[in-house]
């Protein structure tokens, strides 16, 4: 189900969105939706990394927040040069999470 949301954008940004829409042969709404999906995914990943780095969530919880698998979360943490903090409790939680996948 979709909902209409309006936003004020600078003219230059609108022109660029229109250019992309023409090139990809889709409407402006599709371009904006794709851009927002990308931003929201990155936001969730960054939030999960921050919480994990600060020791506030486990690896499996960080992966859940980010919307990725545990293995993808490990890759993200490596890319962002965040050291894995992994104990017995984390291992047990991850095993439970893997059983549910």
N, C-alpha and C. Protein backbone atom coordinates (compact mmCIF):
# COMPACT_ATOMS: atom_id res chain seq x y z
N UNK A 1 0.84 -1.17 0.00
CA UNK A 1 0.00 0.00 0.00
C UNK A 1 0.89 1.24 0.00
N UNK A 2 0.61 2.15 -0.85
CA UNK A 2 1.40 3.38 -0.99
C UNK A 2 0.70 4.54 -0.33
N UNK A 3 1.50 5.50 0.05
CA UNK A 3 0.98 6.72 0.63
C UNK A 3 1.65 7.90 -0.05
N UNK A 4 0.92 8.95 -0.28
CA UNK A 4 1.46 10.13 -0.92
C UNK A 4 2.16 10.99 0.12
N UNK A 5 3.39 11.38 -0.20
CA UNK A 5 4.17 12.27 0.65
C UNK A 5 4.71 13.37 -0.24
N UNK A 6 4.61 14.61 0.22
CA UNK A 6 5.16 15.69 -0.61
C UNK A 6 6.38 16.28 0.09
N UNK A 7 7.27 16.81 -0.73
CA UNK A 7 8.50 17.40 -0.21
C UNK A 7 8.92 18.55 -1.11
N UNK A 8 9.54 19.53 -0.53
CA UNK A 8 10.10 20.64 -1.31
C UNK A 8 11.55 20.31 -1.61
N UNK A 9 11.89 20.38 -2.89
CA UNK A 9 13.24 20.07 -3.33
C UNK A 9 13.79 21.23 -4.14
N UNK A 10 15.09 21.45 -4.06
CA UNK A 10 15.70 22.48 -4.89
C UNK A 10 15.50 22.17 -6.38
N UNK A 11 15.35 23.23 -7.19
CA UNK A 11 15.09 23.04 -8.62
C UNK A 11 16.16 22.19 -9.29
N UNK A 12 17.41 22.39 -8.92
CA UNK A 12 18.50 21.63 -9.51
C UNK A 12 18.34 20.14 -9.24
N UNK A 13 17.92 19.80 -8.04
CA UNK A 13 17.70 18.40 -7.68
C UNK A 13 16.55 17.81 -8.49
N UNK A 14 15.48 18.58 -8.66
CA UNK A 14 14.33 18.12 -9.45
C UNK A 14 14.75 17.88 -10.90
N UNK A 15 15.55 18.78 -11.45
CA UNK A 15 16.02 18.61 -12.82
C UNK A 15 16.85 17.32 -12.95
N UNK A 16 17.68 17.07 -11.96
CA UNK A 16 18.50 15.86 -11.99
C UNK A 16 17.63 14.61 -11.88
N UNK A 17 16.63 14.64 -11.02
CA UNK A 17 15.69 13.52 -10.88
C UNK A 17 14.97 13.28 -12.20
N UNK A 18 14.53 14.35 -12.86
CA UNK A 18 13.85 14.23 -14.15
C UNK A 18 14.78 13.64 -15.20
N UNK A 19 16.03 14.05 -15.18
CA UNK A 19 17.02 13.52 -16.13
C UNK A 19 17.22 12.02 -15.93
N UNK A 20 17.35 11.61 -14.69
CA UNK A 20 17.52 10.18 -14.39
C UNK A 20 16.27 9.42 -14.82
N UNK A 21 15.10 9.96 -14.52
CA UNK A 21 13.84 9.30 -14.87
C UNK A 21 13.73 9.10 -16.38
N UNK A 22 14.11 10.13 -17.15
CA UNK A 22 14.07 10.01 -18.62
C UNK A 22 15.04 8.93 -19.08
N UNK A 23 16.24 8.96 -18.54
CA UNK A 23 17.26 8.00 -18.96
C UNK A 23 16.85 6.56 -18.62
N UNK A 24 16.25 6.38 -17.47
CA UNK A 24 15.86 5.03 -17.05
C UNK A 24 14.44 4.66 -17.49
N UNK A 25 13.77 5.60 -18.13
CA UNK A 25 12.41 5.40 -18.64
C UNK A 25 11.42 4.98 -17.55
N UNK A 26 11.46 5.71 -16.46
CA UNK A 26 10.51 5.51 -15.35
C UNK A 26 10.03 6.89 -14.91
N UNK A 27 9.05 6.91 -14.03
CA UNK A 27 8.57 8.21 -13.55
C UNK A 27 9.42 8.71 -12.38
N UNK A 28 9.23 9.98 -12.04
CA UNK A 28 10.00 10.61 -10.96
C UNK A 28 9.76 9.91 -9.63
N UNK A 29 8.54 9.46 -9.41
CA UNK A 29 8.23 8.78 -8.15
C UNK A 29 9.09 7.53 -7.96
N UNK A 30 9.32 6.81 -9.04
CA UNK A 30 10.15 5.61 -8.97
C UNK A 30 11.58 5.96 -8.59
N UNK A 31 12.11 7.02 -9.18
CA UNK A 31 13.47 7.45 -8.85
C UNK A 31 13.55 7.84 -7.39
N UNK A 32 12.58 8.61 -6.92
CA UNK A 32 12.58 9.04 -5.52
C UNK A 32 12.43 7.85 -4.57
N UNK A 33 11.58 6.90 -4.93
CA UNK A 33 11.41 5.71 -4.10
C UNK A 33 12.71 4.91 -4.01
N UNK A 34 13.39 4.75 -5.14
CA UNK A 34 14.67 4.03 -5.14
C UNK A 34 15.70 4.75 -4.28
N UNK A 35 15.75 6.08 -4.40
CA UNK A 35 16.71 6.87 -3.62
C UNK A 35 16.43 6.74 -2.12
N UNK A 36 15.16 6.81 -1.77
CA UNK A 36 14.79 6.67 -0.35
C UNK A 36 15.08 5.27 0.17
N UNK A 37 14.80 4.25 -0.63
CA UNK A 37 15.10 2.88 -0.22
C UNK A 37 16.60 2.73 0.06
N UNK A 38 17.42 3.29 -0.82
CA UNK A 38 18.86 3.23 -0.65
C UNK A 38 19.27 3.96 0.63
N UNK A 39 18.74 5.15 0.83
CA UNK A 39 19.09 5.93 2.02
C UNK A 39 18.67 5.20 3.29
N UNK A 40 17.44 4.67 3.31
CA UNK A 40 16.94 3.98 4.50
C UNK A 40 17.76 2.73 4.81
N UNK A 41 18.16 2.00 3.78
CA UNK A 41 19.01 0.82 3.98
C UNK A 41 20.34 1.23 4.59
N UNK A 42 20.95 2.26 4.04
CA UNK A 42 22.23 2.74 4.57
C UNK A 42 22.08 3.26 6.00
N UNK A 43 20.98 3.93 6.28
CA UNK A 43 20.74 4.45 7.62
C UNK A 43 20.64 3.31 8.63
N UNK A 44 19.87 2.27 8.26
CA UNK A 44 19.72 1.11 9.16
C UNK A 44 21.06 0.43 9.40
N UNK A 45 21.85 0.28 8.36
CA UNK A 45 23.16 -0.36 8.51
C UNK A 45 24.04 0.49 9.41
N UNK A 46 24.11 1.78 9.17
CA UNK A 46 24.94 2.66 9.99
C UNK A 46 24.50 2.67 11.45
N UNK A 47 23.18 2.66 11.68
CA UNK A 47 22.66 2.62 13.05
C UNK A 47 23.06 1.32 13.73
N UNK A 48 22.94 0.21 13.02
CA UNK A 48 23.30 -1.09 13.57
C UNK A 48 24.79 -1.14 13.90
N UNK A 49 25.62 -0.60 13.01
CA UNK A 49 27.07 -0.56 13.26
C UNK A 49 27.37 0.27 14.50
N UNK A 50 26.74 1.41 14.61
CA UNK A 50 26.95 2.29 15.77
C UNK A 50 26.56 1.58 17.07
N UNK A 51 25.40 0.96 17.08
CA UNK A 51 24.94 0.26 18.29
C UNK A 51 25.86 -0.91 18.64
N UNK A 52 26.31 -1.63 17.62
CA UNK A 52 27.21 -2.76 17.85
C UNK A 52 28.56 -2.27 18.37
N UNK A 53 29.10 -1.26 17.71
CA UNK A 53 30.41 -0.71 18.11
C UNK A 53 30.39 -0.22 19.55
N UNK A 54 29.25 0.35 19.96
CA UNK A 54 29.12 0.86 21.32
C UNK A 54 28.77 -0.23 22.34
N UNK A 55 28.65 -1.47 21.86
CA UNK A 55 28.37 -2.59 22.75
C UNK A 55 26.94 -2.65 23.25
N UNK A 56 26.03 -1.99 22.54
CA UNK A 56 24.63 -1.94 22.97
C UNK A 56 23.78 -3.06 22.41
N UNK A 57 24.26 -3.71 21.33
CA UNK A 57 23.53 -4.85 20.76
C UNK A 57 24.53 -5.93 20.36
N UNK A 58 24.02 -7.14 20.25
CA UNK A 58 24.84 -8.27 19.81
C UNK A 58 24.95 -8.25 18.28
N UNK A 59 25.78 -9.11 17.78
CA UNK A 59 25.96 -9.22 16.33
C UNK A 59 24.65 -9.60 15.64
N UNK A 60 23.95 -10.56 16.19
CA UNK A 60 22.70 -10.98 15.53
C UNK A 60 21.64 -9.88 15.60
N UNK A 61 21.59 -9.15 16.70
CA UNK A 61 20.63 -8.04 16.81
C UNK A 61 21.01 -6.93 15.84
N UNK A 62 22.31 -6.65 15.69
CA UNK A 62 22.76 -5.64 14.73
C UNK A 62 22.35 -6.03 13.32
N UNK A 63 22.52 -7.30 12.99
CA UNK A 63 22.13 -7.79 11.66
C UNK A 63 20.62 -7.62 11.45
N UNK A 64 19.86 -7.90 12.49
CA UNK A 64 18.41 -7.75 12.41
C UNK A 64 18.03 -6.28 12.18
N UNK A 65 18.65 -5.38 12.93
CA UNK A 65 18.39 -3.95 12.77
C UNK A 65 18.73 -3.49 11.36
N UNK A 66 19.88 -3.98 10.86
CA UNK A 66 20.35 -3.59 9.53
C UNK A 66 19.54 -4.24 8.41
N UNK A 67 18.82 -5.31 8.74
CA UNK A 67 18.05 -6.01 7.71
C UNK A 67 18.92 -6.87 6.81
N UNK A 68 20.02 -7.40 7.38
CA UNK A 68 20.93 -8.25 6.62
C UNK A 68 21.19 -9.54 7.41
N UNK A 69 21.83 -10.51 6.76
CA UNK A 69 22.19 -11.75 7.45
C UNK A 69 23.37 -11.47 8.38
N UNK A 70 23.61 -12.39 9.28
CA UNK A 70 24.75 -12.25 10.20
C UNK A 70 26.05 -12.16 9.39
N UNK A 71 26.15 -12.98 8.34
CA UNK A 71 27.37 -13.00 7.54
C UNK A 71 27.57 -11.66 6.82
N UNK A 72 26.48 -11.09 6.32
CA UNK A 72 26.57 -9.77 5.69
C UNK A 72 26.96 -8.72 6.71
N UNK A 73 26.44 -8.85 7.94
CA UNK A 73 26.77 -7.89 8.99
C UNK A 73 28.25 -7.96 9.33
N UNK A 74 28.79 -9.17 9.36
CA UNK A 74 30.23 -9.33 9.62
C UNK A 74 31.03 -8.62 8.53
N UNK A 75 30.60 -8.76 7.28
CA UNK A 75 31.27 -8.08 6.17
C UNK A 75 31.19 -6.56 6.32
N UNK A 76 30.00 -6.07 6.69
CA UNK A 76 29.81 -4.62 6.88
C UNK A 76 30.74 -4.12 7.98
N UNK A 77 30.79 -4.85 9.09
CA UNK A 77 31.66 -4.44 10.21
C UNK A 77 33.13 -4.43 9.79
N UNK A 78 33.52 -5.42 9.00
CA UNK A 78 34.90 -5.47 8.51
C UNK A 78 35.20 -4.28 7.61
N UNK A 79 34.27 -3.95 6.71
CA UNK A 79 34.45 -2.81 5.82
C UNK A 79 34.58 -1.51 6.60
N UNK A 80 33.85 -1.42 7.70
CA UNK A 80 33.88 -0.20 8.51
C UNK A 80 34.93 -0.27 9.61
N UNK A 81 35.74 -1.34 9.56
CA UNK A 81 36.85 -1.53 10.50
C UNK A 81 36.41 -1.54 11.96
N UNK A 82 35.28 -2.22 12.21
CA UNK A 82 34.76 -2.38 13.56
C UNK A 82 35.15 -3.78 14.03
N UNK A 83 35.81 -3.85 15.17
CA UNK A 83 36.26 -5.13 15.72
C UNK A 83 35.08 -5.93 16.22
N UNK A 84 35.08 -7.22 15.90
CA UNK A 84 34.02 -8.10 16.39
C UNK A 84 34.17 -8.29 17.89
N UNK A 85 33.06 -8.15 18.60
CA UNK A 85 33.01 -8.39 20.04
C UNK A 85 32.15 -9.63 20.18
N UNK A 86 32.77 -10.76 20.37
CA UNK A 86 32.02 -12.00 20.26
C UNK A 86 32.30 -12.89 21.47
N UNK A 87 31.25 -13.18 22.23
CA UNK A 87 31.38 -14.04 23.39
C UNK A 87 30.44 -15.23 23.28
N UNK A 88 30.38 -16.04 24.33
CA UNK A 88 29.55 -17.24 24.35
C UNK A 88 28.08 -16.87 24.18
N UNK A 89 27.64 -15.83 24.86
CA UNK A 89 26.24 -15.40 24.75
C UNK A 89 25.90 -15.03 23.31
N UNK A 90 26.82 -14.33 22.65
CA UNK A 90 26.61 -13.95 21.25
C UNK A 90 26.51 -15.19 20.38
N UNK A 91 27.40 -16.15 20.62
CA UNK A 91 27.41 -17.38 19.84
C UNK A 91 26.08 -18.11 19.97
N UNK A 92 25.59 -18.24 21.20
CA UNK A 92 24.32 -18.93 21.43
C UNK A 92 23.17 -18.20 20.75
N UNK A 93 23.15 -16.88 20.83
CA UNK A 93 22.10 -16.10 20.19
C UNK A 93 22.16 -16.24 18.67
N UNK A 94 23.37 -16.23 18.13
CA UNK A 94 23.53 -16.38 16.69
C UNK A 94 23.09 -17.77 16.22
N UNK A 95 23.37 -18.79 17.00
CA UNK A 95 22.92 -20.14 16.65
C UNK A 95 21.40 -20.20 16.57
N UNK A 96 20.74 -19.58 17.54
CA UNK A 96 19.27 -19.55 17.53
C UNK A 96 18.77 -18.81 16.29
N UNK A 97 19.41 -17.69 15.97
CA UNK A 97 19.00 -16.91 14.81
C UNK A 97 19.20 -17.69 13.52
N UNK A 98 20.29 -18.41 13.42
CA UNK A 98 20.57 -19.20 12.22
C UNK A 98 19.56 -20.34 12.07
N UNK A 99 19.12 -20.91 13.17
CA UNK A 99 18.13 -21.98 13.10
C UNK A 99 16.81 -21.47 12.53
N UNK A 100 16.53 -20.18 12.75
CA UNK A 100 15.28 -19.60 12.28
C UNK A 100 15.34 -19.20 10.81
N UNK A 101 16.53 -19.10 10.23
CA UNK A 101 16.67 -18.68 8.81
C UNK A 101 16.37 -19.81 7.87
